[in-house]
C-alpha atoms as a PDB file:
ATOM      1  CA  UNK A   1     149.796  89.798  71.516  1.00  0.00           C
ATOM      2  CA  UNK A   2     153.102  91.058  70.170  1.00  0.00           C
ATOM      3  CA  UNK A   3     154.166  91.086  66.561  1.00  0.00           C
ATOM      4  CA  UNK A   4     156.405  88.203  65.494  1.00  0.00           C
ATOM      5  CA  UNK A   5     160.103  88.798  64.920  1.00  0.00           C
ATOM      6  CA  UNK A   6     161.134  89.315  61.301  1.00  0.00           C
ATOM      7  CA  UNK A   7     162.522  86.177  59.659  1.00  0.00           C
ATOM      8  CA  UNK A   8     166.168  85.503  60.494  1.00  0.00           C
ATOM      9  CA  UNK A   9     166.263  87.847  63.514  1.00  0.00           C
ATOM     10  CA  UNK A  10     165.999  86.785  67.109  1.00  0.00           C
ATOM     11  CA  UNK A  11     164.469  89.057  69.668  1.00  0.00           C
ATOM     12  CA  UNK A  12     167.078  90.050  72.246  1.00  0.00           C
ATOM     13  CA  UNK A  13     165.323  93.045  73.707  1.00  0.00           C
ATOM     14  CA  UNK A  14     168.361  95.187  72.795  1.00  0.00           C
ATOM     15  CA  UNK A  15     168.043  98.096  70.386  1.00  0.00           C
ATOM     16  CA  UNK A  16     168.766  97.317  66.770  1.00  0.00           C
ATOM     17  CA  UNK A  17     172.396  97.876  65.774  1.00  0.00           C
ATOM     18  CA  UNK A  18     171.611 100.487  63.136  1.00  0.00           C
ATOM     19  CA  UNK A  19     169.969 102.659  65.789  1.00  0.00           C
ATOM     20  CA  UNK A  20     173.183 102.829  67.820  1.00  0.00           C
ATOM     21  CA  UNK A  21     175.014 104.790  65.110  1.00  0.00           C
ATOM     22  CA  UNK A  22     172.410 107.496  64.672  1.00  0.00           C
ATOM     23  CA  UNK A  23     173.920 110.915  64.018  1.00  0.00           C
ATOM     24  CA  UNK A  24     171.907 114.049  64.740  1.00  0.00           C
ATOM     25  CA  UNK A  25     170.238 115.337  61.605  1.00  0.00           C
ATOM     26  CA  UNK A  26     170.157 118.934  62.751  1.00  0.00           C
ATOM     27  CA  UNK A  27     172.995 121.055  64.027  1.00  0.00           C
ATOM     28  CA  UNK A  28     172.724 121.955  67.668  1.00  0.00           C
ATOM     29  CA  UNK A  29     173.734 125.174  69.325  1.00  0.00           C
ATOM     30  CA  UNK A  30     177.005 123.508  70.356  1.00  0.00           C
ATOM     31  CA  UNK A  31     178.251 123.726  66.767  1.00  0.00           C
ATOM     32  CA  UNK A  32     178.897 127.370  67.545  1.00  0.00           C
ATOM     33  CA  UNK A  33     181.729 126.207  69.797  1.00  0.00           C
ATOM     34  CA  UNK A  34     183.498 124.696  66.796  1.00  0.00           C
ATOM     35  CA  UNK A  35     183.127 127.939  64.873  1.00  0.00           C
ATOM     36  CA  UNK A  36     184.424 129.697  67.977  1.00  0.00           C
ATOM     37  CA  UNK A  37     187.399 127.296  68.096  1.00  0.00           C
ATOM     38  CA  UNK A  38     188.189 127.993  64.443  1.00  0.00           C
ATOM     39  CA  UNK A  39     188.052 131.756  64.916  1.00  0.00           C
ATOM     40  CA  UNK A  40     190.142 131.580  68.086  1.00  0.00           C
ATOM     41  CA  UNK A  41     192.707 129.393  66.309  1.00  0.00           C
ATOM     42  CA  UNK A  42     193.022 131.976  63.537  1.00  0.00           C
ATOM     43  CA  UNK A  43     193.376 134.667  66.209  1.00  0.00           C
ATOM     44  CA  UNK A  44     195.947 132.669  68.226  1.00  0.00           C
ATOM     45  CA  UNK A  45     197.847 131.972  65.013  1.00  0.00           C
ATOM     46  CA  UNK A  46     197.911 135.684  64.261  1.00  0.00           C
ATOM     47  CA  UNK A  47     199.128 136.386  67.797  1.00  0.00           C
ATOM     48  CA  UNK A  48     201.895 133.811  67.390  1.00  0.00           C
ATOM     49  CA  UNK A  49     202.931 135.349  64.078  1.00  0.00           C
ATOM     50  CA  UNK A  50     203.034 138.863  65.567  1.00  0.00           C
ATOM     51  CA  UNK A  51     205.000 137.604  68.562  1.00  0.00           C
ATOM     52  CA  UNK A  52     207.374 135.833  66.177  1.00  0.00           C
ATOM     53  CA  UNK A  53     207.918 138.958  64.093  1.00  0.00           C
ATOM     54  CA  UNK A  54     208.597 140.997  67.226  1.00  0.00           C
ATOM     55  CA  UNK A  55     211.131 138.394  68.388  1.00  0.00           C
ATOM     56  CA  UNK A  56     212.808 138.434  64.962  1.00  0.00           C
ATOM     57  CA  UNK A  57     213.040 142.198  64.491  1.00  0.00           C
ATOM     58  CA  UNK A  58     212.922 143.725  67.990  1.00  0.00           C
ATOM     59  CA  UNK A  59     214.449 141.281  70.454  1.00  0.00           C
ATOM     60  CA  UNK A  60     215.132 144.116  72.910  1.00  0.00           C
ATOM     61  CA  UNK A  61     211.352 144.290  73.369  1.00  0.00           C
ATOM     62  CA  UNK A  62     211.457 141.370  75.793  1.00  0.00           C
ATOM     63  CA  UNK A  63     212.618 142.181  79.301  1.00  0.00           C
ATOM     64  CA  UNK A  64     214.466 138.968  80.120  1.00  0.00           C
ATOM     65  CA  UNK A  65     217.641 137.563  78.637  1.00  0.00           C
ATOM     66  CA  UNK A  66     217.304 134.368  76.644  1.00  0.00           C
ATOM     67  CA  UNK A  67     219.303 132.609  79.361  1.00  0.00           C
ATOM     68  CA  UNK A  68     216.349 133.137  81.730  1.00  0.00           C
ATOM     69  CA  UNK A  69     213.819 131.441  79.441  1.00  0.00           C
ATOM     70  CA  UNK A  70     212.654 127.899  80.124  1.00  0.00           C
ATOM     71  CA  UNK A  71     214.454 126.777  76.959  1.00  0.00           C
ATOM     72  CA  UNK A  72     217.697 128.651  76.371  1.00  0.00           C
ATOM     73  CA  UNK A  73     217.315 129.620  72.733  1.00  0.00           C
ATOM     74  CA  UNK A  74     217.914 133.072  71.316  1.00  0.00           C
ATOM     75  CA  UNK A  75     214.989 135.271  70.323  1.00  0.00           C
ATOM     76  CA  UNK A  76     215.640 134.761  66.611  1.00  0.00           C
ATOM     77  CA  UNK A  77     214.933 131.043  67.004  1.00  0.00           C
ATOM     78  CA  UNK A  78     211.885 131.816  69.147  1.00  0.00           C
ATOM     79  CA  UNK A  79     210.744 134.231  66.450  1.00  0.00           C
ATOM     80  CA  UNK A  80     210.864 131.558  63.758  1.00  0.00           C
ATOM     81  CA  UNK A  81     209.138 129.036  66.032  1.00  0.00           C
ATOM     82  CA  UNK A  82     206.307 131.467  66.752  1.00  0.00           C
ATOM     83  CA  UNK A  83     206.006 132.592  63.144  1.00  0.00           C
ATOM     84  CA  UNK A  84     205.817 129.086  61.669  1.00  0.00           C
ATOM     85  CA  UNK A  85     203.543 127.844  64.459  1.00  0.00           C
ATOM     86  CA  UNK A  86     201.293 130.867  63.982  1.00  0.00           C
ATOM     87  CA  UNK A  87     200.849 130.146  60.304  1.00  0.00           C
ATOM     88  CA  UNK A  88     200.098 126.470  60.983  1.00  0.00           C
ATOM     89  CA  UNK A  89     197.619 127.296  63.774  1.00  0.00           C
ATOM     90  CA  UNK A  90     195.796 129.840  61.613  1.00  0.00           C
ATOM     91  CA  UNK A  91     195.590 127.485  58.620  1.00  0.00           C
ATOM     92  CA  UNK A  92     194.305 124.705  60.861  1.00  0.00           C
ATOM     93  CA  UNK A  93     191.702 127.120  62.239  1.00  0.00           C
ATOM     94  CA  UNK A  94     190.493 127.774  58.695  1.00  0.00           C
ATOM     95  CA  UNK A  95     190.435 124.016  58.033  1.00  0.00           C
ATOM     96  CA  UNK A  96     188.047 123.544  60.970  1.00  0.00           C
ATOM     97  CA  UNK A  97     185.328 125.248  58.973  1.00  0.00           C
ATOM     98  CA  UNK A  98     185.308 122.271  56.567  1.00  0.00           C
ATOM     99  CA  UNK A  99     183.919 120.061  59.337  1.00  0.00           C
ATOM    100  CA  UNK A 100     186.414 117.286  58.673  1.00  0.00           C
ATOM    101  CA  UNK A 101     187.596 114.948  61.435  1.00  0.00           C
ATOM    102  CA  UNK A 102     191.242 115.359  60.376  1.00  0.00           C
ATOM    103  CA  UNK A 103     190.976 119.131  60.914  1.00  0.00           C
ATOM    104  CA  UNK A 104     189.707 118.581  64.466  1.00  0.00           C
ATOM    105  CA  UNK A 105     192.433 116.039  65.240  1.00  0.00           C
ATOM    106  CA  UNK A 106     195.139 118.249  63.761  1.00  0.00           C
ATOM    107  CA  UNK A 107     193.655 121.220  65.604  1.00  0.00           C
ATOM    108  CA  UNK A 108     193.963 119.494  68.968  1.00  0.00           C
ATOM    109  CA  UNK A 109     197.584 118.485  68.294  1.00  0.00           C
ATOM    110  CA  UNK A 110     198.604 121.908  66.964  1.00  0.00           C
ATOM    111  CA  UNK A 111     196.952 123.773  69.839  1.00  0.00           C
ATOM    112  CA  UNK A 112     198.656 121.460  72.341  1.00  0.00           C
ATOM    113  CA  UNK A 113     201.986 122.355  70.724  1.00  0.00           C
ATOM    114  CA  UNK A 114     201.000 126.029  70.915  1.00  0.00           C
ATOM    115  CA  UNK A 115     200.339 125.721  74.649  1.00  0.00           C
ATOM    116  CA  UNK A 116     203.696 124.006  75.257  1.00  0.00           C
ATOM    117  CA  UNK A 117     205.552 126.663  73.240  1.00  0.00           C
ATOM    118  CA  UNK A 118     203.855 129.357  75.308  1.00  0.00           C
ATOM    119  CA  UNK A 119     204.904 127.632  78.533  1.00  0.00           C
ATOM    120  CA  UNK A 120     208.470 127.839  77.265  1.00  0.00           C
ATOM    121  CA  UNK A 121     207.997 131.530  76.516  1.00  0.00           C
ATOM    122  CA  UNK A 122     206.284 132.453  79.835  1.00  0.00           C
ATOM    123  CA  UNK A 123     209.310 134.236  81.293  1.00  0.00           C
ATOM    124  CA  UNK A 124     209.659 136.534  78.293  1.00  0.00           C
ATOM    125  CA  UNK A 125     206.046 137.659  78.135  1.00  0.00           C
ATOM    126  CA  UNK A 126     204.045 136.162  81.024  1.00  0.00           C
ATOM    127  CA  UNK A 127     200.618 137.754  80.651  1.00  0.00           C
ATOM    128  CA  UNK A 128     200.507 137.289  76.892  1.00  0.00           C
ATOM    129  CA  UNK A 129     201.690 133.673  77.125  1.00  0.00           C
ATOM    130  CA  UNK A 130     199.202 132.872  79.906  1.00  0.00           C
ATOM    131  CA  UNK A 131     196.372 134.332  77.818  1.00  0.00           C
ATOM    132  CA  UNK A 132     197.444 132.243  74.829  1.00  0.00           C
ATOM    133  CA  UNK A 133     197.580 129.084  76.976  1.00  0.00           C
ATOM    134  CA  UNK A 134     194.067 129.790  78.291  1.00  0.00           C
ATOM    135  CA  UNK A 135     192.757 130.248  74.734  1.00  0.00           C
ATOM    136  CA  UNK A 136     194.513 127.041  73.665  1.00  0.00           C
ATOM    137  CA  UNK A 137     192.844 125.079  76.465  1.00  0.00           C
ATOM    138  CA  UNK A 138     189.433 126.506  75.524  1.00  0.00           C
ATOM    139  CA  UNK A 139     189.966 125.499  71.893  1.00  0.00           C
ATOM    140  CA  UNK A 140     190.980 121.970  72.921  1.00  0.00           C
ATOM    141  CA  UNK A 141     187.825 121.699  75.022  1.00  0.00           C
ATOM    142  CA  UNK A 142     185.599 122.880  72.175  1.00  0.00           C
ATOM    143  CA  UNK A 143     187.192 120.523  69.662  1.00  0.00           C
ATOM    144  CA  UNK A 144     187.177 117.452  71.867  1.00  0.00           C
ATOM    145  CA  UNK A 145     183.774 117.851  73.483  1.00  0.00           C
ATOM    146  CA  UNK A 146     181.713 119.299  70.628  1.00  0.00           C
ATOM    147  CA  UNK A 147     183.714 118.541  67.498  1.00  0.00           C
ATOM    148  CA  UNK A 148     181.664 115.633  66.154  1.00  0.00           C
ATOM    149  CA  UNK A 149     178.525 117.757  65.857  1.00  0.00           C
ATOM    150  CA  UNK A 150     179.955 119.748  62.949  1.00  0.00           C
ATOM    151  CA  UNK A 151     180.209 116.673  60.715  1.00  0.00           C
ATOM    152  CA  UNK A 152     176.456 116.147  60.548  1.00  0.00           C
END
């Protein structure tokens, strides 16, 4: 004999609604990926800033003329783009350690912008830009797939 349903509730056989929104109470090993994403974002931001400073002060460092870049902008403009983006990426990487959803969302958007900027800069510094794009994709993966685990 089964227990009767509580008053006011009909038995549907489906799990109770409050059980569907259960968050894990303990952090899993996947939370390390979010810490990894934050550290990599700080590192990528630093790389962007260094690349920006090089473009600002030593534009002869790059082997191709600005007319051969995907976007025809002089290296001074590229320098400012990389410098500002680097600062924003690094600050967003630090914000990831707070575990807030807005930091994850902003992180994904900022790292997508970083990847697009590096595609535009591929001709000037191909290996470096390809490495940065690969790191950006890894960060996006970590934030999207494992980001919610840091909130608990």
